[in-house]
C-alpha atoms as a PDB file:
ATOM      1  CA  MET A   1      17.034 -13.392  46.094  1.00  0.00           C
ATOM      2  CA  LYS A   2      16.581 -10.657  48.623  1.00  0.00           C
ATOM      3  CA  VAL A   3      15.093  -7.220  47.611  1.00  0.00           C
ATOM      4  CA  LEU A   4      14.573  -4.143  49.704  1.00  0.00           C
ATOM      5  CA  VAL A   5      12.133  -1.664  48.081  1.00  0.00           C
ATOM      6  CA  VAL A   6      12.764   2.004  49.370  1.00  0.00           C
ATOM      7  CA  THR A   7      10.273   4.855  49.193  1.00  0.00           C
ATOM      8  CA  GLU A   8       9.720   7.884  51.137  1.00  0.00           C
ATOM      9  CA  THR A   9       6.912   7.231  53.646  1.00  0.00           C
ATOM     10  CA  ASP A  10       6.448   3.171  52.809  1.00  0.00           C
ATOM     11  CA  SER A  11       2.843   3.778  53.249  1.00  0.00           C
ATOM     12  CA  CYS A  12       1.978   3.310  49.515  1.00  0.00           C
ATOM     13  CA  CYS A  13       4.048   2.768  46.675  1.00  0.00           C
ATOM     14  CA  GLY A  14       6.680   0.610  48.677  1.00  0.00           C
ATOM     15  CA  PRO A  15       4.183  -1.987  50.038  1.00  0.00           C
ATOM     16  CA  MET A  16       2.601  -2.411  46.346  1.00  0.00           C
ATOM     17  CA  ALA A  17       5.654  -2.688  44.487  1.00  0.00           C
ATOM     18  CA  ALA A  18       6.956  -5.431  47.247  1.00  0.00           C
ATOM     19  CA  ALA A  19       3.599  -7.068  46.755  1.00  0.00           C
ATOM     20  CA  PHE A  20       3.845  -7.072  42.986  1.00  0.00           C
ATOM     21  CA  LEU A  21       7.522  -8.346  43.013  1.00  0.00           C
ATOM     22  CA  HIS A  22       6.537 -11.111  45.385  1.00  0.00           C
ATOM     23  CA  ASP A  23       3.814 -11.925  42.995  1.00  0.00           C
ATOM     24  CA  TYR A  24       6.032 -12.039  40.084  1.00  0.00           C
ATOM     25  CA  SER A  25       8.521 -14.782  41.828  1.00  0.00           C
ATOM     26  CA  THR A  26       7.818 -16.286  44.894  1.00  0.00           C
ATOM     27  CA  SER A  27      11.600 -17.093  45.011  1.00  0.00           C
ATOM     28  CA  ILE A  28      12.074 -13.098  45.611  1.00  0.00           C
ATOM     29  CA  GLU A  29      12.072 -12.330  49.369  1.00  0.00           C
ATOM     30  CA  VAL A  30      10.712  -8.641  49.194  1.00  0.00           C
ATOM     31  CA  VAL A  31      10.925  -6.069  52.311  1.00  0.00           C
ATOM     32  CA  SER A  32       9.531  -2.326  51.918  1.00  0.00           C
ATOM     33  CA  ALA A  33      10.725   0.288  53.777  1.00  0.00           C
ATOM     34  CA  GLY A  34      10.958   4.209  54.215  1.00  0.00           C
ATOM     35  CA  ARG A  35      13.365   6.896  54.726  1.00  0.00           C
ATOM     36  CA  ASN A  36      10.415   8.506  56.868  1.00  0.00           C
ATOM     37  CA  PRO A  37       7.891   6.039  57.757  1.00  0.00           C
ATOM     38  CA  ALA A  38       4.339   7.061  57.934  1.00  0.00           C
ATOM     39  CA  GLU A  39       2.369   6.029  60.924  1.00  0.00           C
ATOM     40  CA  THR A  40      -0.322   4.217  58.953  1.00  0.00           C
ATOM     41  CA  ILE A  41      -0.767   3.161  55.415  1.00  0.00           C
ATOM     42  CA  GLU A  42      -2.848   4.810  52.856  1.00  0.00           C
ATOM     43  CA  PRO A  43      -6.465   3.173  53.379  1.00  0.00           C
ATOM     44  CA  LEU A  44      -7.530   3.782  49.259  1.00  0.00           C
ATOM     45  CA  MET A  45      -4.238   2.143  48.420  1.00  0.00           C
ATOM     46  CA  ILE A  46      -5.603  -1.039  50.290  1.00  0.00           C
ATOM     47  CA  THR A  47      -8.608  -0.935  48.484  1.00  0.00           C
ATOM     48  CA  ALA A  48      -6.992  -0.490  45.079  1.00  0.00           C
ATOM     49  CA  MET A  49      -4.715  -3.612  45.969  1.00  0.00           C
ATOM     50  CA  LYS A  50      -7.576  -5.745  46.933  1.00  0.00           C
ATOM     51  CA  GLU A  51      -9.107  -5.669  43.467  1.00  0.00           C
ATOM     52  CA  CYS A  52      -5.720  -7.394  42.367  1.00  0.00           C
ATOM     53  CA  LEU A  53      -6.391 -10.056  45.449  1.00  0.00           C
ATOM     54  CA  VAL A  54      -3.732  -8.520  47.548  1.00  0.00           C
ATOM     55  CA  ASP A  55      -4.766  -7.823  51.297  1.00  0.00           C
ATOM     56  CA  LEU A  56      -2.350  -5.438  52.597  1.00  0.00           C
ATOM     57  CA  SER A  57      -4.814  -3.960  55.158  1.00  0.00           C
ATOM     58  CA  GLY A  58      -1.887  -5.544  58.162  1.00  0.00           C
ATOM     59  CA  TYR A  59       0.933  -3.791  56.736  1.00  0.00           C
ATOM     60  CA  GLN A  60       2.773  -1.527  58.997  1.00  0.00           C
ATOM     61  CA  PRO A  61       5.306   0.822  57.409  1.00  0.00           C
ATOM     62  CA  LYS A  62       9.165   0.423  58.114  1.00  0.00           C
ATOM     63  CA  SER A  63      12.149   2.422  58.606  1.00  0.00           C
ATOM     64  CA  VAL A  64      15.106   1.598  56.194  1.00  0.00           C
ATOM     65  CA  THR A  65      17.182   2.025  59.283  1.00  0.00           C
ATOM     66  CA  GLU A  66      15.653  -1.160  60.565  1.00  0.00           C
ATOM     67  CA  PHE A  67      17.740  -3.153  57.823  1.00  0.00           C
ATOM     68  CA  ASP A  68      21.194  -3.893  56.891  1.00  0.00           C
ATOM     69  CA  PHE A  69      21.675  -3.160  53.171  1.00  0.00           C
ATOM     70  CA  SER A  70      24.371  -5.557  52.939  1.00  0.00           C
ATOM     71  CA  ALA A  71      21.890  -8.305  53.418  1.00  0.00           C
ATOM     72  CA  PHE A  72      20.088  -7.807  50.333  1.00  0.00           C
ATOM     73  CA  ASP A  73      20.888  -8.702  46.905  1.00  0.00           C
ATOM     74  CA  ALA A  74      18.687  -5.672  45.118  1.00  0.00           C
ATOM     75  CA  VAL A  75      17.500  -2.424  46.124  1.00  0.00           C
ATOM     76  CA  TYR A  76      14.377  -1.206  44.113  1.00  0.00           C
ATOM     77  CA  GLU A  77      13.770   2.657  44.618  1.00  0.00           C
ATOM     78  CA  CYS A  78      10.257   3.516  43.892  1.00  0.00           C
ATOM     79  CA  PRO A  79       9.438   6.648  41.783  1.00  0.00           C
ATOM     80  CA  ASP A  80       9.274   9.838  43.893  1.00  0.00           C
ATOM     81  CA  PHE A  81       6.048  11.509  43.168  1.00  0.00           C
ATOM     82  CA  SER A  82       6.527  14.399  45.505  1.00  0.00           C
ATOM     83  CA  ASP A  83       6.283  17.117  42.695  1.00  0.00           C
ATOM     84  CA  PHE A  84       2.842  15.518  42.030  1.00  0.00           C
ATOM     85  CA  PRO A  85      -0.473  15.832  44.201  1.00  0.00           C
ATOM     86  CA  ALA A  86      -1.206  12.839  46.115  1.00  0.00           C
ATOM     87  CA  PRO A  87      -3.940  10.695  44.934  1.00  0.00           C
ATOM     88  CA  THR A  88      -7.330  11.369  46.757  1.00  0.00           C
ATOM     89  CA  THR A  89      -9.616   8.976  45.019  1.00  0.00           C
ATOM     90  CA  LEU A  90      -9.934   5.413  44.236  1.00  0.00           C
ATOM     91  CA  GLU A  91      -9.653   6.054  40.490  1.00  0.00           C
ATOM     92  CA  LYS A  92      -6.165   7.781  41.429  1.00  0.00           C
ATOM     93  CA  PHE A  93      -4.933   5.160  43.381  1.00  0.00           C
ATOM     94  CA  ARG A  94      -5.916   2.636  40.567  1.00  0.00           C
ATOM     95  CA  GLU A  95      -3.674   4.449  38.289  1.00  0.00           C
ATOM     96  CA  LEU A  96      -1.028   4.864  40.834  1.00  0.00           C
ATOM     97  CA  ARG A  97      -1.163   0.912  41.391  1.00  0.00           C
ATOM     98  CA  ASP A  98      -1.165   0.024  37.772  1.00  0.00           C
ATOM     99  CA  PHE A  99       1.893   2.470  37.457  1.00  0.00           C
ATOM    100  CA  ILE A 100       3.779   0.737  40.339  1.00  0.00           C
ATOM    101  CA  LYS A 101       2.780  -2.674  38.715  1.00  0.00           C
ATOM    102  CA  ASN A 102       4.479  -1.895  35.501  1.00  0.00           C
ATOM    103  CA  GLU A 103       7.446  -0.180  37.078  1.00  0.00           C
ATOM    104  CA  ALA A 104       7.717  -3.079  39.458  1.00  0.00           C
ATOM    105  CA  TYR A 105       7.538  -5.683  36.481  1.00  0.00           C
ATOM    106  CA  GLN A 106      10.491  -3.760  34.668  1.00  0.00           C
ATOM    107  CA  PHE A 107      12.533  -3.968  37.741  1.00  0.00           C
ATOM    108  CA  PHE A 108      11.579  -7.779  38.053  1.00  0.00           C
ATOM    109  CA  LEU A 109      12.939  -8.423  34.407  1.00  0.00           C
ATOM    110  CA  SER A 110      16.281  -6.436  35.005  1.00  0.00           C
ATOM    111  CA  ILE A 111      16.829  -8.773  37.990  1.00  0.00           C
ATOM    112  CA  ARG A 112      16.027 -11.715  36.111  1.00  0.00           C
ATOM    113  CA  GLN A 113      18.081 -11.179  33.204  1.00  0.00           C
ATOM    114  CA  SER A 114      20.591 -10.184  35.272  1.00  0.00           C
ATOM    115  CA  PRO A 115      24.203 -12.023  34.043  1.00  0.00           C
ATOM    116  CA  GLN A 116      24.598 -12.830  37.861  1.00  0.00           C
ATOM    117  CA  HIS A 117      22.293 -15.716  38.989  1.00  0.00           C
ATOM    118  CA  PRO A 118      20.857 -14.576  42.743  1.00  0.00           C
ATOM    119  CA  SER A 119      22.833 -17.543  44.239  1.00  0.00           C
ATOM    120  CA  THR A 120      26.052 -16.098  43.091  1.00  0.00           C
ATOM    121  CA  LEU A 121      25.470 -12.736  44.474  1.00  0.00           C
ATOM    122  CA  ASN A 122      26.221 -13.971  47.838  1.00  0.00           C
ATOM    123  CA  SER A 123      24.212 -11.161  49.485  1.00  0.00           C
ATOM    124  CA  GLN A 124      26.027  -8.220  48.199  1.00  0.00           C
ATOM    125  CA  LEU A 125      24.240  -5.278  46.721  1.00  0.00           C
ATOM    126  CA  SER A 126      24.153  -5.857  43.256  1.00  0.00           C
ATOM    127  CA  THR A 127      21.364  -3.497  41.726  1.00  0.00           C
ATOM    128  CA  ILE A 128      20.039  -0.113  42.205  1.00  0.00           C
ATOM    129  CA  TYR A 129      17.431   0.250  40.277  1.00  0.00           C
ATOM    130  CA  LYS A 130      15.775   3.772  39.767  1.00  0.00           C
ATOM    131  CA  PRO A 131      12.690   3.481  37.521  1.00  0.00           C
ATOM    132  CA  HIS A 132      13.241   5.355  34.293  1.00  0.00           C
ATOM    133  CA  SER A 133       9.983   7.253  34.494  1.00  0.00           C
ATOM    134  CA  ARG A 134      11.141   8.943  37.456  1.00  0.00           C
ATOM    135  CA  GLN A 135       9.810  12.408  36.542  1.00  0.00           C
ATOM    136  CA  SER A 136       6.673  11.346  35.037  1.00  0.00           C
ATOM    137  CA  ASN A 137       3.345  11.414  36.192  1.00  0.00           C
ATOM    138  CA  TYR A 138       1.309   8.217  36.439  1.00  0.00           C
ATOM    139  CA  SER A 139      -1.858   8.390  34.579  1.00  0.00           C
ATOM    140  CA  ALA A 140      -3.943   6.038  32.620  1.00  0.00           C
ATOM    141  CA  LYS A 141      -1.939   6.066  29.814  1.00  0.00           C
ATOM    142  CA  HIS A 142       0.633   3.687  31.580  1.00  0.00           C
ATOM    143  CA  THR A 143      -0.723   0.324  30.985  1.00  0.00           C
ATOM    144  CA  PRO A 144       0.508  -2.699  33.329  1.00  0.00           C
ATOM    145  CA  SER A 145       2.399  -5.252  31.807  1.00  0.00           C
ATOM    146  CA  GLY A 146       3.419  -8.736  33.171  1.00  0.00           C
ATOM    147  CA  PRO A 147       1.602 -11.585  35.024  1.00  0.00           C
ATOM    148  CA  LYS A 148      -1.673 -10.824  36.811  1.00  0.00           C
ATOM    149  CA  GLN A 149      -2.697  -7.889  34.776  1.00  0.00           C
ATOM    150  CA  THR A 150      -5.786  -6.275  36.141  1.00  0.00           C
END
């Protein structure tokens, strides 16, 4: 199954979500891209992800215009945090990481429980998933679920 993770800048949430989705199932090919990609990724995000044994230090943000949407079976649109202050401390990046981990796991469950098996999707865009807590602020109250909890 091929999944496209879409974010605004592809510098933080997208790479995190893509890494977690791949971690949940190696049979999922995941690509992350942004509508307006940043030049670089967030250094504190790299540190927070290394705590989960995921090294994103070599990641380079990509643009959604680089990809043909019809080549993907599903699209995961990361939560939009534009109404909230950007995290500036490692603790805030940990909270964001744990929130994204939980949201990515919910998406993973939704595609895993889909009545269509990935092999029958035939590269048709079948799922656009927008997280239920799109307007919620991430915080310590969001507990990650799923495999490899931190």
